[in-house]
């Protein structure tokens, strides 16, 4: 009897984003990459192989129905998504506006002219070439496509570069009008390479590169000193709705790579963010006081935190530091940064509803990190935070919750670092609950977790569920958190203080030197689910 061939019915993939000529498709389950590559077919046309869970495709036709099919090379079931692209009103080429793309001429004016002339729903095309630019500004409904081989090369110019003034302007009804900020405070800031203020339905997409061209002799020299204005970002979105940055490579940013502030529905997909490990404050994506942020399919290798979720400091007026909410970080690879996914330390407006899942962290100093301090205020409630299905390797400390973060000029003063119980007042932040589940760590170095809540207002609830941590055979020593009086550790267990309820459920530690759990000021330590690996 002959055996019938197996016919796999395609599984449904999710369309995470689409514009007139490109789309991002998520075909899970999985983390950042898959062991079995998949062939990408767009309307039957072979586009090559990929091992990514989240896939960027371009070359679609505007206003059409497109089928994206991902076929595993081992013959298992394919994934398929239908992409309905919106129409495109016009397509303008920056070369028709005088852009040379030769790496010598300043092409800022030509590219800006193309953006200014583009009708809503249109696309500005930047073909392959090297385009020297200072700052570009976007408007509603315009897409900028960076083609393969297109590079926007930032010009270093402290004297001639535009900057945004501090956030002191007012609308006609007296409300604050936010503009320049620096690390959560009102401050003049140099304009980014790509800027959008108050813009809707705009995007920058394509396989091209935005290169900040920062060096130790330019923007990275004496980085904390404000000279004329604070260092620029590569991409800055403020007060925008339905904006996206997709498919690009971001390299050598002067400071934070991507900084969305007060935005709604912002998407950062399939990006490669690159900077030397010693480049100062070159965070990857830092959403501040935003609602609805998706970071997915991105690869980070930067000089500071890969993703840092923020909401300003108390010096900012309350209307311009609302909570940062509804943030999703999925299917990302983060390596060689200070922290992989971080909340804080600027959290005066609060942070809530954060989910980090299906990610890979490699050689970051810390994995999942919450940092705050006295002085952030009672609005600084960091709550409803879930980290799950994450693999880490070679990290210093997988989990850090630090309410004594020693940032700012007064960060080491006694009222910030005092471990005794102080009065709860208008400057006291609040933390929890936090859930860490389905997480596997290999090659950890300093300790499994370091948690220090405030004694006057402890972390509400801390849950570790189905977590395994295995230590490196010969690790270095390191301070697990940036706070006063923290000694270097190596192969330590869970070090927990200032927590109302600690719940360990199926937590396995391997290679710990000393106790598995050290607690101080934990009201309900539920540690029955914590054990040493056999």
Protein backbone atom coordinates (compact mmCIF):
# COMPACT_ATOMS: atom_id res chain seq x y z
CA UNK A 1 0.00 0.00 0.00
CA UNK A 2 1.46 3.36 -1.01
CA UNK A 3 1.82 6.10 1.61
CA UNK A 4 0.23 9.38 0.66
CA UNK A 5 2.42 12.47 0.68
CA UNK A 6 1.92 14.72 3.69
CA UNK A 7 0.29 18.01 2.70
CA UNK A 8 0.97 20.72 5.27
CA UNK A 9 -1.70 23.36 5.59
CA UNK A 10 -0.09 26.77 6.12
CA UNK A 11 -0.29 28.28 9.56
CA UNK A 12 -1.43 31.86 9.89
CA UNK A 13 1.28 34.48 10.38
CA UNK A 14 0.60 37.92 11.85
CA UNK A 15 1.09 41.15 9.95
CA UNK A 16 2.79 43.43 12.49
CA UNK A 17 3.01 46.45 10.18
CA UNK A 18 2.57 47.39 6.55
CA UNK A 19 2.99 50.41 4.31
CA UNK A 20 2.46 50.79 0.57
CA UNK A 21 5.57 48.83 -0.43
CA UNK A 22 6.74 46.81 2.59
CA UNK A 23 5.52 44.77 5.54
CA UNK A 24 6.65 42.98 8.68
CA UNK A 25 5.33 39.48 9.32
CA UNK A 26 5.59 37.61 12.61
CA UNK A 27 5.62 33.83 12.20
CA UNK A 28 6.13 32.21 15.61
CA UNK A 29 6.55 30.56 17.98
CA UNK A 30 10.20 31.18 18.75
CA UNK A 31 12.56 33.81 20.10
CA UNK A 32 14.72 35.90 17.75
CA UNK A 33 15.87 33.23 15.32
CA UNK A 34 14.97 29.64 14.48
CA UNK A 35 17.16 26.54 14.02
CA UNK A 36 15.57 25.77 10.66
CA UNK A 37 15.73 28.50 7.97
CA UNK A 38 12.65 29.36 5.95
CA UNK A 39 12.33 30.37 2.35
CA UNK A 40 10.52 33.66 1.84
CA UNK A 41 8.03 33.75 -1.02
CA UNK A 42 6.19 36.97 -1.88
CA UNK A 43 3.34 36.37 -4.29
CA UNK A 44 5.18 33.22 -5.34
CA UNK A 45 8.50 35.00 -5.99
CA UNK A 46 11.50 33.57 -4.12
CA UNK A 47 13.11 36.23 -1.90
CA UNK A 48 15.76 33.99 -0.31
CA UNK A 49 16.17 32.42 3.12
CA UNK A 50 15.69 33.75 6.63
CA UNK A 51 15.98 32.29 10.12
CA UNK A 52 14.13 35.17 11.80
CA UNK A 53 10.80 34.84 13.57
CA UNK A 54 9.90 38.42 12.62
CA UNK A 55 10.52 39.02 8.92
CA UNK A 56 10.77 42.26 6.95
CA UNK A 57 9.77 42.10 3.28
CA UNK A 58 9.63 44.84 0.68
CA UNK A 59 9.00 45.26 -3.02
CA UNK A 60 5.21 44.99 -2.56
CA UNK A 61 2.84 46.88 -4.83
CA UNK A 62 0.72 49.69 -3.35
CA UNK A 63 -2.98 49.08 -2.99
CA UNK A 64 -2.79 45.35 -3.61
CA UNK A 65 -3.33 42.01 -1.90
CA UNK A 66 -0.01 40.25 -1.30
CA UNK A 67 0.70 36.75 0.02
CA UNK A 68 3.85 36.29 2.11
CA UNK A 69 4.73 32.62 2.60
CA UNK A 70 7.53 31.26 4.80
CA UNK A 71 8.45 27.67 3.95
CA UNK A 72 10.81 25.80 6.37
CA UNK A 73 13.57 24.00 4.48
CA UNK A 74 12.92 20.80 6.48
CA UNK A 75 9.52 20.45 4.83
CA UNK A 76 7.47 21.21 7.94
CA UNK A 77 4.32 23.31 7.85
CA UNK A 78 4.71 26.73 6.22
CA UNK A 79 3.47 30.04 7.58
CA UNK A 80 1.45 32.44 5.51
CA UNK A 81 0.13 35.99 5.82
CA UNK A 82 -2.02 38.13 3.57
CA UNK A 83 -0.85 41.75 3.40
CA UNK A 84 -3.27 44.38 2.13
CA UNK A 85 -1.07 47.36 1.24
CA UNK A 86 -2.52 50.88 1.32
CA UNK A 87 -2.46 52.98 -1.86
CA UNK A 88 0.41 55.37 -2.54
CA UNK A 89 -0.40 58.92 -3.64
CA UNK A 90 3.01 59.74 -5.15
CA UNK A 91 6.60 58.50 -5.15
CA UNK A 92 9.41 61.06 -5.22
CA UNK A 93 13.12 60.37 -5.73
CA UNK A 94 15.50 62.60 -3.75
CA UNK A 95 17.90 62.66 -6.72
CA UNK A 96 15.26 64.59 -8.67
CA UNK A 97 15.58 67.28 -5.98
CA UNK A 98 19.35 67.56 -6.34
CA UNK A 99 20.62 64.97 -3.86
CA UNK A 100 24.02 63.69 -4.98
CA UNK A 101 24.54 60.73 -2.65
CA UNK A 102 28.29 61.00 -3.17
CA UNK A 103 29.35 61.31 0.47
CA UNK A 104 30.72 64.84 -0.11
CA UNK A 105 27.82 67.19 -0.84
CA UNK A 106 25.43 68.15 1.97
CA UNK A 107 22.16 66.59 0.80
CA UNK A 108 20.02 67.80 3.70
CA UNK A 109 18.21 70.48 1.68
CA UNK A 110 17.45 68.17 -1.23
CA UNK A 111 16.00 65.40 0.93
CA UNK A 112 14.05 67.92 3.01
CA UNK A 113 12.64 69.46 -0.17
CA UNK A 114 11.41 66.04 -1.31
CA UNK A 115 9.70 65.49 2.05
CA UNK A 116 8.12 68.96 1.94
CA UNK A 117 6.78 68.37 -1.57
CA UNK A 118 5.48 64.87 -0.91
CA UNK A 119 1.71 64.55 -0.72
CA UNK A 120 0.08 62.77 2.20
CA UNK A 121 0.15 59.04 1.57
CA UNK A 122 3.28 59.33 -0.56
CA UNK A 123 6.80 57.92 -0.40
CA UNK A 124 10.16 59.67 -0.58
CA UNK A 125 12.70 57.32 -2.15
CA UNK A 126 16.37 57.43 -1.10
CA UNK A 127 18.25 55.14 -3.52
CA UNK A 128 21.66 53.60 -2.90
CA UNK A 129 24.31 56.21 -2.13
CA UNK A 130 26.02 58.10 0.70
CA UNK A 131 24.01 61.16 1.72
CA UNK A 132 25.57 63.67 4.13
CA UNK A 133 22.85 65.23 6.26
CA UNK A 134 22.40 67.28 9.42
CA UNK A 135 18.75 67.00 10.51
CA UNK A 136 15.67 65.86 8.61
CA UNK A 137 12.09 66.71 9.64
CA UNK A 138 8.94 64.79 8.75
CA UNK A 139 5.31 65.59 8.24
CA UNK A 140 1.99 63.76 8.34
CA UNK A 141 1.42 60.81 6.06
CA UNK A 142 4.89 60.62 4.46
CA UNK A 143 7.04 57.49 4.22
CA UNK A 144 10.81 57.65 3.72
CA UNK A 145 12.30 54.56 2.07
CA UNK A 146 16.01 53.92 2.58
CA UNK A 147 16.90 51.51 -0.18
CA UNK A 148 19.56 48.81 0.06
CA UNK A 149 22.90 50.62 0.04
CA UNK A 150 21.45 53.99 1.06
CA UNK A 151 23.31 55.65 3.94
CA UNK A 152 22.37 58.82 5.77
CA UNK A 153 25.70 60.10 7.13
CA UNK A 154 25.35 62.56 10.01
CA UNK A 155 27.45 65.71 9.92
CA UNK A 156 29.23 66.70 13.14
CA UNK A 157 28.56 70.41 13.73
CA UNK A 158 27.96 71.88 17.18
CA UNK A 159 27.82 75.47 15.95
CA UNK A 160 25.63 75.11 12.86
CA UNK A 161 23.28 72.31 13.93
CA UNK A 162 19.71 73.19 14.90
CA UNK A 163 18.59 72.38 18.43
CA UNK A 164 15.31 72.19 20.29
CA UNK A 165 14.97 74.66 23.17
CA UNK A 166 14.06 73.49 26.68
CA UNK A 167 10.43 72.51 27.25
CA UNK A 168 9.34 75.96 28.44
CA UNK A 169 7.00 77.05 25.64
CA UNK A 170 3.23 77.34 26.27
CA UNK A 171 0.17 76.82 24.14
CA UNK A 172 -2.47 79.54 23.95
CA UNK A 173 -4.38 77.91 26.81
CA UNK A 174 -1.32 77.90 29.06
CA UNK A 175 -0.43 74.21 28.77
CA UNK A 176 3.26 73.29 28.57
CA UNK A 177 4.54 72.56 25.07
CA UNK A 178 7.30 69.93 25.32
CA UNK A 179 10.40 70.25 23.19
CA UNK A 180 13.97 69.59 24.32
CA UNK A 181 14.78 67.06 27.05
CA UNK A 182 17.85 65.31 28.40
CA UNK A 183 17.62 62.27 30.65
CA UNK A 184 14.13 63.13 31.84
CA UNK A 185 14.58 66.87 32.40
CA UNK A 186 13.87 69.97 30.34
CA UNK A 187 17.01 70.85 28.43
CA UNK A 188 18.09 72.19 25.06
CA UNK A 189 18.97 69.25 22.81
CA UNK A 190 20.54 69.08 19.38
CA UNK A 191 18.13 67.90 16.71
CA UNK A 192 18.38 64.25 15.72
CA UNK A 193 19.26 63.03 12.26
CA UNK A 194 15.60 62.01 11.78
CA UNK A 195 12.97 64.09 13.61
CA UNK A 196 9.18 64.12 13.81
CA UNK A 197 7.26 66.45 16.15
CA UNK A 198 3.46 66.23 16.28
CA UNK A 199 3.39 63.99 13.21
CA UNK A 200 0.86 61.27 12.37
CA UNK A 201 0.96 58.26 10.06
CA UNK A 202 4.62 58.54 9.04
CA UNK A 203 7.42 56.00 8.79
CA UNK A 204 11.05 55.49 7.90
CA UNK A 205 11.68 52.04 6.48
CA UNK A 206 13.99 49.97 4.33
CA UNK A 207 17.31 48.11 4.56
CA UNK A 208 19.42 51.29 4.43
CA UNK A 209 21.50 52.83 7.25
CA UNK A 210 21.36 55.89 9.48
CA UNK A 211 24.94 56.50 10.62
CA UNK A 212 25.52 58.99 13.46
CA UNK A 213 29.30 58.85 12.80
CA UNK A 214 30.02 59.69 16.44
CA UNK A 215 33.54 59.12 17.71
CA UNK A 216 35.58 59.57 20.87
CA UNK A 217 36.81 62.87 19.39
CA UNK A 218 33.37 64.30 18.61
CA UNK A 219 30.06 63.58 20.35
CA UNK A 220 31.46 60.95 22.73
CA UNK A 221 34.12 63.28 24.13
CA UNK A 222 33.27 64.55 27.64
CA UNK A 223 29.75 63.21 27.09
CA UNK A 224 27.99 64.47 30.24
CA UNK A 225 28.89 68.14 29.71
CA UNK A 226 26.24 70.17 27.93
CA UNK A 227 27.94 72.24 25.25
CA UNK A 228 25.46 74.49 23.41
CA UNK A 229 22.87 71.70 23.83
CA UNK A 230 22.63 68.05 24.81
CA UNK A 231 23.94 65.44 22.40
CA UNK A 232 21.56 64.49 19.57
CA UNK A 233 19.78 61.19 19.11
CA UNK A 234 19.69 59.38 15.79
CA UNK A 235 15.87 59.29 15.70
CA UNK A 236 13.57 61.52 17.76
CA UNK A 237 9.76 61.33 17.71
CA UNK A 238 7.77 63.66 19.97
CA UNK A 239 4.00 63.87 20.32
CA UNK A 240 3.48 61.59 17.33
CA UNK A 241 0.79 59.02 16.54
CA UNK A 242 1.05 55.91 14.39
CA UNK A 243 4.73 56.27 13.50
CA UNK A 244 7.18 53.51 12.66
CA UNK A 245 10.87 52.84 12.11
CA UNK A 246 11.34 49.56 10.26
CA UNK A 247 14.10 47.46 8.73
CA UNK A 248 16.98 49.94 9.03
CA UNK A 249 20.46 49.74 10.52
CA UNK A 250 21.30 52.44 13.09
CA UNK A 251 24.99 52.94 13.78
CA UNK A 252 27.27 55.01 16.05
CA UNK A 253 24.65 57.29 17.55
CA UNK A 254 25.85 60.40 19.44
CA UNK A 255 23.59 59.38 22.37
CA UNK A 256 20.33 57.40 22.49
CA UNK A 257 19.61 55.74 19.15
CA UNK A 258 15.81 56.04 19.18
CA UNK A 259 13.86 58.31 21.53
CA UNK A 260 10.07 58.47 21.24
CA UNK A 261 8.44 60.90 23.73
CA UNK A 262 4.71 61.36 24.35
CA UNK A 263 3.88 59.16 21.36
CA UNK A 264 0.93 56.83 20.75
CA UNK A 265 1.20 53.66 18.66
CA UNK A 266 4.91 53.71 17.82
CA UNK A 267 6.53 50.66 16.22
CA UNK A 268 10.21 49.80 15.99
CA UNK A 269 10.62 46.63 13.97
CA UNK A 270 13.44 44.57 12.45
CA UNK A 271 16.12 47.14 13.30
CA UNK A 272 19.85 46.53 13.78
CA UNK A 273 21.24 48.95 16.38
CA UNK A 274 25.03 49.01 16.61
CA UNK A 275 27.60 50.89 18.66
CA UNK A 276 30.90 50.18 20.42
CA UNK A 277 30.60 48.69 23.89
CA UNK A 278 32.30 51.76 25.37
CA UNK A 279 30.19 54.36 23.56
CA UNK A 280 28.55 56.49 26.29
CA UNK A 281 24.75 56.55 26.73
CA UNK A 282 24.10 54.98 23.34
CA UNK A 283 20.90 53.24 24.47
CA UNK A 284 18.92 51.42 21.80
CA UNK A 285 15.22 52.30 22.03
CA UNK A 286 14.06 54.51 24.91
CA UNK A 287 10.29 55.12 24.95
CA UNK A 288 9.44 57.94 27.36
CA UNK A 289 5.87 58.67 28.51
CA UNK A 290 4.43 56.83 25.51
CA UNK A 291 1.30 54.71 25.11
CA UNK A 292 1.38 51.69 22.84
CA UNK A 293 4.98 50.86 21.87
CA UNK A 294 6.06 47.72 20.03
CA UNK A 295 9.73 46.76 19.75
CA UNK A 296 9.99 43.51 17.80
CA UNK A 297 12.49 41.59 15.69
CA UNK A 298 15.36 43.95 16.57
CA UNK A 299 19.03 43.17 17.21
CA UNK A 300 20.92 45.34 19.71
CA UNK A 301 24.64 45.72 20.37
CA UNK A 302 25.10 49.12 22.00
CA UNK A 303 27.13 50.91 24.66
CA UNK A 304 24.39 51.18 27.27
CA UNK A 305 20.90 49.76 27.87
CA UNK A 306 19.28 48.09 24.87
CA UNK A 307 15.70 49.10 25.71
CA UNK A 308 15.01 51.58 28.53
CA UNK A 309 11.43 52.53 29.41
CA UNK A 310 11.06 55.94 31.06
CA UNK A 311 8.65 58.69 32.15
CA UNK A 312 10.70 61.74 33.15
CA UNK A 313 11.73 63.31 36.46
CA UNK A 314 9.82 65.40 39.01
CA UNK A 315 11.32 68.61 37.62
CA UNK A 316 9.12 68.17 34.54
CA UNK A 317 5.54 69.40 34.78
CA UNK A 318 3.04 66.58 35.24
CA UNK A 319 1.28 67.04 31.84
CA UNK A 320 4.55 66.35 29.99
CA UNK A 321 5.51 63.26 32.02
CA UNK A 322 2.47 60.97 31.92
CA UNK A 323 2.95 57.23 32.49
CA UNK A 324 4.63 55.04 29.91
CA UNK A 325 2.12 52.25 29.28
CA UNK A 326 1.35 49.31 27.01
CA UNK A 327 4.93 48.51 25.98
CA UNK A 328 5.74 45.21 24.27
CA UNK A 329 9.26 43.96 23.58
CA UNK A 330 9.25 40.70 21.62
CA UNK A 331 11.51 38.47 19.50
CA UNK A 332 14.62 40.60 20.05
CA UNK A 333 18.30 39.72 20.43
CA UNK A 334 20.32 41.88 22.82
CA UNK A 335 24.01 41.48 23.44
CA UNK A 336 26.92 43.35 25.00
CA UNK A 337 24.88 46.20 26.50
CA UNK A 338 24.70 47.30 30.14
CA UNK A 339 21.11 46.13 30.56
CA UNK A 340 18.95 44.23 28.11
CA UNK A 341 15.48 45.54 29.04
CA UNK A 342 15.42 48.26 31.67
CA UNK A 343 12.74 50.30 33.38
CA UNK A 344 13.99 53.64 34.66
CA UNK A 345 15.62 55.33 36.18
CA UNK A 346 13.54 58.34 35.08
CA UNK A 347 10.08 57.12 36.15
CA UNK A 348 8.39 60.14 37.76
CA UNK A 349 5.24 59.61 35.67
CA UNK A 350 5.12 55.85 36.28
CA UNK A 351 5.42 52.78 34.07
CA UNK A 352 2.76 50.09 33.69
CA UNK A 353 1.60 47.22 31.50
CA UNK A 354 5.00 46.11 30.22
CA UNK A 355 5.49 42.68 28.64
CA UNK A 356 8.89 41.42 27.54
CA UNK A 357 8.77 37.97 25.95
CA UNK A 358 10.48 35.59 23.52
CA UNK A 359 13.85 37.34 23.62
CA UNK A 360 17.53 36.35 23.82
CA UNK A 361 20.07 38.22 25.99
CA UNK A 362 23.80 37.50 25.59
CA UNK A 363 26.69 38.99 27.61
CA UNK A 364 24.73 41.98 28.89
CA UNK A 365 25.78 43.14 32.36
CA UNK A 366 22.20 42.77 33.56
CA UNK A 367 19.23 41.07 31.99
CA UNK A 368 15.90 42.39 33.23
CA UNK A 369 16.47 45.51 35.28
CA UNK A 370 14.27 47.96 37.20
CA UNK A 371 16.02 51.02 38.61
CA UNK A 372 14.59 53.90 40.60
CA UNK A 373 15.35 55.92 43.74
CA UNK A 374 13.88 58.20 46.36
CA UNK A 375 13.03 61.48 44.68
CA UNK A 376 11.10 60.04 41.74
CA UNK A 377 7.73 60.77 43.44
CA UNK A 378 4.43 59.07 44.27
CA UNK A 379 3.37 59.14 40.62
CA UNK A 380 6.37 56.89 40.03
CA UNK A 381 4.46 53.62 40.21
CA UNK A 382 6.18 50.85 38.26
CA UNK A 383 3.60 48.07 38.10
CA UNK A 384 2.14 45.22 36.04
CA UNK A 385 5.45 44.14 34.56
CA UNK A 386 5.89 40.64 33.10
CA UNK A 387 9.06 39.07 31.68
CA UNK A 388 8.61 35.59 30.17
CA UNK A 389 10.06 33.04 27.76
CA UNK A 390 13.55 34.54 27.77
CA UNK A 391 16.94 32.87 27.28
CA UNK A 392 20.06 34.49 28.73
CA UNK A 393 23.71 33.55 28.41
CA UNK A 394 26.81 35.10 29.99
CA UNK A 395 24.95 37.88 31.82
CA UNK A 396 26.28 39.36 35.04
CA UNK A 397 22.95 39.35 36.91
CA UNK A 398 19.76 38.07 35.26
CA UNK A 399 17.33 40.04 37.50
CA UNK A 400 17.80 43.41 39.21
CA UNK A 401 15.23 45.55 41.02
CA UNK A 402 17.06 48.51 42.54
CA UNK A 403 15.30 51.26 44.50
CA UNK A 404 18.65 52.82 45.49
CA UNK A 405 19.99 53.62 42.04
CA UNK A 406 22.81 56.11 42.52
CA UNK A 407 22.11 58.36 39.53
CA UNK A 408 22.00 62.18 39.40
CA UNK A 409 24.30 64.59 41.29
CA UNK A 410 22.62 63.74 44.63
CA UNK A 411 22.50 60.00 44.01
CA UNK A 412 24.98 59.11 46.75
CA UNK A 413 23.55 61.42 49.41
CA UNK A 414 22.36 59.80 52.63
CA UNK A 415 18.64 60.44 52.04
CA UNK A 416 18.83 58.48 48.77
CA UNK A 417 21.06 55.60 49.93
CA UNK A 418 19.82 55.22 53.54
CA UNK A 419 18.81 51.56 54.07
CA UNK A 420 16.72 52.40 57.15
CA UNK A 421 13.02 53.14 57.00
CA UNK A 422 12.29 56.79 56.13
CA UNK A 423 8.92 58.59 56.06
CA UNK A 424 6.80 58.03 52.97
CA UNK A 425 6.30 61.38 51.29
CA UNK A 426 5.64 63.00 47.91
CA UNK A 427 9.05 61.87 46.60
CA UNK A 428 8.71 58.15 47.43
CA UNK A 429 8.41 55.83 44.39
CA UNK A 430 6.39 52.59 44.36
CA UNK A 431 7.26 49.25 42.82
CA UNK A 432 5.55 45.99 41.88
CA UNK A 433 4.19 43.55 41.16
CA UNK A 434 6.81 41.95 38.90
CA UNK A 435 6.60 38.49 37.35
CA UNK A 436 9.56 36.58 35.88
CA UNK A 437 8.53 33.27 34.32
CA UNK A 438 9.77 30.59 31.92
CA UNK A 439 13.31 31.97 31.87
CA UNK A 440 16.51 29.95 31.35
CA UNK A 441 19.93 31.43 32.19
CA UNK A 442 23.31 29.87 31.37
CA UNK A 443 26.74 31.17 32.33
CA UNK A 444 25.57 33.75 34.87
CA UNK A 445 28.42 35.43 36.73
CA UNK A 446 27.67 37.60 39.77
CA UNK A 447 24.39 36.46 41.34
CA UNK A 448 21.03 35.03 40.30
CA UNK A 449 19.03 38.09 41.37
CA UNK A 450 19.62 41.29 43.31
CA UNK A 451 16.50 43.01 44.64
CA UNK A 452 16.43 45.98 47.03
CA UNK A 453 13.11 47.69 47.63
CA UNK A 454 12.65 50.65 49.94
CA UNK A 455 12.04 49.63 53.57
CA UNK A 456 9.37 52.31 53.92
CA UNK A 457 7.50 51.12 50.81
CA UNK A 458 8.68 47.64 49.75
CA UNK A 459 8.26 46.02 46.34
CA UNK A 460 4.64 44.85 46.36
CA UNK A 461 5.10 41.35 44.95
CA UNK A 462 7.96 39.54 43.26
CA UNK A 463 7.26 36.24 41.48
CA UNK A 464 9.83 33.85 39.99
CA UNK A 465 8.09 30.99 38.20
CA UNK A 466 9.81 28.21 36.21
CA UNK A 467 13.20 29.92 36.28
CA UNK A 468 16.59 28.18 36.00
CA UNK A 469 19.96 29.87 36.53
CA UNK A 470 23.26 28.05 35.91
CA UNK A 471 26.54 29.81 36.71
CA UNK A 472 29.73 30.02 34.70
CA UNK A 473 32.43 27.62 35.90
CA UNK A 474 34.97 30.41 36.37
CA UNK A 475 33.14 33.76 36.50
CA UNK A 476 34.52 37.20 37.29
CA UNK A 477 33.30 39.31 40.22
CA UNK A 478 31.04 42.30 39.80
CA UNK A 479 28.73 44.65 41.66
CA UNK A 480 25.24 43.39 40.88
CA UNK A 481 23.63 46.85 41.06
CA UNK A 482 24.61 50.51 40.93
CA UNK A 483 23.90 51.61 44.49
CA UNK A 484 25.87 52.64 47.54
CA UNK A 485 27.44 49.92 49.67
CA UNK A 486 27.01 47.09 47.16
CA UNK A 487 29.89 44.63 47.30
CA UNK A 488 31.14 42.64 44.34
CA UNK A 489 29.74 39.12 44.13
CA UNK A 490 30.42 35.95 42.21
CA UNK A 491 28.10 32.94 41.90
CA UNK A 492 25.64 34.33 44.47
CA UNK A 493 22.05 33.20 44.87
CA UNK A 494 18.90 35.30 45.18
CA UNK A 495 19.71 38.40 47.27
CA UNK A 496 16.39 40.01 48.20
CA UNK A 497 15.42 42.85 50.54
CA UNK A 498 12.50 45.25 50.84
CA UNK A 499 9.78 43.01 49.35
CA UNK A 500 6.31 42.35 50.72
CA UNK A 501 5.81 38.98 49.04
CA UNK A 502 8.52 36.88 47.43
CA UNK A 503 7.11 33.86 45.60
CA UNK A 504 9.49 31.26 44.16
CA UNK A 505 7.80 28.50 42.17
CA UNK A 506 10.02 25.92 40.45
CA UNK A 507 13.23 27.96 40.64
CA UNK A 508 16.43 25.95 40.14
CA UNK A 509 19.94 27.35 40.74
CA UNK A 510 23.11 25.57 39.67
CA UNK A 511 26.66 26.42 40.74
CA UNK A 512 25.81 28.80 43.57
CA UNK A 513 28.53 29.35 46.16
CA UNK A 514 26.75 29.85 49.47
CA UNK A 515 23.05 30.18 50.28
CA UNK A 516 20.44 29.98 47.55
CA UNK A 517 18.39 32.76 49.16
CA UNK A 518 19.42 35.70 51.32
CA UNK A 519 16.53 37.83 52.55
CA UNK A 520 16.19 41.00 54.61
CA UNK A 521 12.94 42.83 55.19
CA UNK A 522 10.85 40.36 53.22
CA UNK A 523 7.41 40.12 54.82
CA UNK A 524 6.29 36.85 53.22
CA UNK A 525 9.17 34.77 51.80
CA UNK A 526 7.54 31.90 49.91
CA UNK A 527 10.73 30.07 49.03
CA UNK A 528 9.49 26.49 49.02
CA UNK A 529 9.80 26.37 45.24
CA UNK A 530 13.51 27.22 45.28
CA UNK A 531 16.05 24.40 45.02
CA UNK A 532 19.63 23.67 44.11
CA UNK A 533 20.24 21.66 40.95
CA UNK A 534 21.39 18.09 41.52
